[in-house]
Amino acid sequence: MKQYFSWGLTLASLGFSGCAMLSAKAEPGVRNVTLGGHSYELSQITDSTWTASASPKPKVLEKSPTATARLQQAVEMVSGCRVTDSDYSRQGTQFDAQVTCSGGLGN
């Protein structure tokens, strides 16, 4: 009887961990953008903060001025706002951008 209980507990915990993995993978609000042959996943963290990472798998992002401008453009396209500040985090695998939406991209 102990053995059946142990197996049941093991299967239940695997089932719960599988559900947690699915919900973490299926993030609502993730938008995919491709610019210049590079694909990114963008997410809004707060009203004024967006993040971008390489898609489909996170990898270290290129940090050249051209690449940074491309990432800023991707955030501006998806958010409809102007990037006011940005940096890289998570050991270079994530681009973080602060945006302002007052008056749109022209301001």
Protein backbone atom coordinates (compact mmCIF):
# COMPACT_ATOMS: atom_id res chain seq x y z
CA MET A 1 0.00 0.00 0.00
CA LYS A 2 2.88 2.35 0.81
CA GLN A 3 4.32 1.73 -2.64
CA TYR A 4 1.07 2.77 -4.40
CA PHE A 5 0.86 5.91 -2.29
CA SER A 6 4.47 6.75 -3.14
CA TRP A 7 3.85 6.26 -6.88
CA GLY A 8 0.67 8.34 -6.71
CA LEU A 9 2.49 11.16 -4.94
CA THR A 10 5.31 11.04 -7.51
CA LEU A 11 2.89 11.16 -10.45
CA ALA A 12 0.90 14.00 -8.88
CA SER A 13 4.02 16.09 -8.31
CA LEU A 14 5.15 15.48 -11.91
CA GLY A 15 1.73 16.56 -13.12
CA PHE A 16 1.87 19.78 -11.10
CA SER A 17 5.36 20.61 -12.29
CA GLY A 18 4.27 19.98 -15.87
CA CYS A 19 1.42 22.47 -15.45
CA ALA A 20 3.79 25.03 -14.02
CA MET A 21 6.11 24.60 -16.99
CA LEU A 22 3.23 25.07 -19.44
CA SER A 23 1.97 28.24 -17.78
CA ALA A 24 5.47 29.73 -17.66
CA LYS A 25 5.94 28.95 -21.36
CA ALA A 26 2.59 30.37 -22.48
CA GLU A 27 3.08 33.92 -21.27
CA PRO A 28 0.19 36.21 -22.11
CA GLY A 29 1.13 39.46 -23.77
CA VAL A 30 4.32 38.22 -25.46
CA ARG A 31 4.63 39.71 -28.91
CA ASN A 32 6.95 38.40 -31.61
CA VAL A 33 8.70 40.86 -33.93
CA THR A 34 11.21 40.27 -36.73
CA LEU A 35 13.43 43.17 -37.82
CA GLY A 36 16.41 42.91 -40.13
CA GLY A 37 16.21 39.12 -40.08
CA HIS A 38 16.36 39.01 -36.25
CA SER A 39 13.40 37.68 -34.26
CA TYR A 40 12.54 39.01 -30.80
CA GLU A 41 9.97 38.33 -28.09
CA LEU A 42 8.71 41.53 -26.46
CA SER A 43 6.82 41.79 -23.18
CA GLN A 44 5.37 44.75 -21.32
CA ILE A 45 6.43 44.65 -17.66
CA THR A 46 4.86 47.92 -16.46
CA ASP A 47 3.15 50.87 -18.18
CA SER A 48 6.56 52.28 -19.04
CA THR A 49 8.85 49.23 -19.14
CA TRP A 50 9.29 46.71 -21.96
CA THR A 51 11.72 43.84 -22.41
CA ALA A 52 12.97 42.07 -25.52
CA SER A 53 14.87 38.82 -25.91
CA ALA A 54 15.96 36.71 -28.84
CA SER A 55 13.35 34.33 -30.20
CA PRO A 56 12.73 31.43 -30.18
CA LYS A 57 15.46 30.70 -27.59
CA PRO A 58 17.03 33.35 -25.36
CA LYS A 59 20.66 33.98 -26.27
CA VAL A 60 23.14 36.78 -25.71
CA LEU A 61 22.01 39.77 -27.72
CA GLU A 62 24.36 41.72 -29.95
CA LYS A 63 25.24 45.06 -28.31
CA SER A 64 26.37 47.10 -31.32
CA PRO A 65 24.78 50.52 -31.93
CA THR A 66 22.90 49.02 -34.91
CA ALA A 67 21.54 46.13 -32.83
CA THR A 68 20.52 48.46 -30.00
CA ALA A 69 18.71 50.73 -32.47
CA ARG A 70 16.94 47.67 -33.92
CA LEU A 71 15.79 46.59 -30.45
CA GLN A 72 14.61 50.12 -29.65
CA GLN A 73 12.69 50.17 -32.94
CA ALA A 74 11.04 46.83 -32.08
CA VAL A 75 9.91 48.17 -28.69
CA GLU A 76 8.60 51.37 -30.26
CA MET A 77 6.69 49.43 -32.94
CA VAL A 78 4.97 47.17 -30.44
CA SER A 79 4.40 49.70 -27.66
CA GLY A 80 3.48 52.69 -29.82
CA CYS A 81 5.67 54.76 -27.49
CA ARG A 82 9.13 56.35 -27.64
CA VAL A 83 12.10 54.65 -25.93
CA THR A 84 13.69 57.09 -23.48
CA ASP A 85 16.28 54.81 -21.85
CA SER A 86 17.49 51.26 -22.31
CA ASP A 87 20.06 48.74 -21.15
CA TYR A 88 20.85 45.02 -21.21
CA SER A 89 20.21 42.61 -18.33
CA ARG A 90 20.25 38.90 -17.53
CA GLN A 91 23.87 38.57 -18.69
CA GLY A 92 23.05 40.21 -22.02
CA THR A 93 20.11 37.98 -22.94
CA GLN A 94 17.46 40.64 -22.27
CA PHE A 95 17.03 44.22 -23.51
CA ASP A 96 15.14 46.49 -21.10
CA ALA A 97 13.55 49.70 -22.34
CA GLN A 98 11.83 52.60 -20.58
CA VAL A 99 9.21 54.27 -22.76
CA THR A 100 7.11 57.41 -22.69
CA CYS A 101 3.74 57.40 -24.35
CA SER A 102 2.80 61.06 -24.02
CA GLY A 103 1.98 62.18 -27.55
CA GLY A 104 3.25 58.98 -29.21
CA LEU A 105 6.49 58.47 -31.10
CA GLY A 106 6.86 62.04 -32.28
CA ASN A 107 7.57 63.50 -28.83
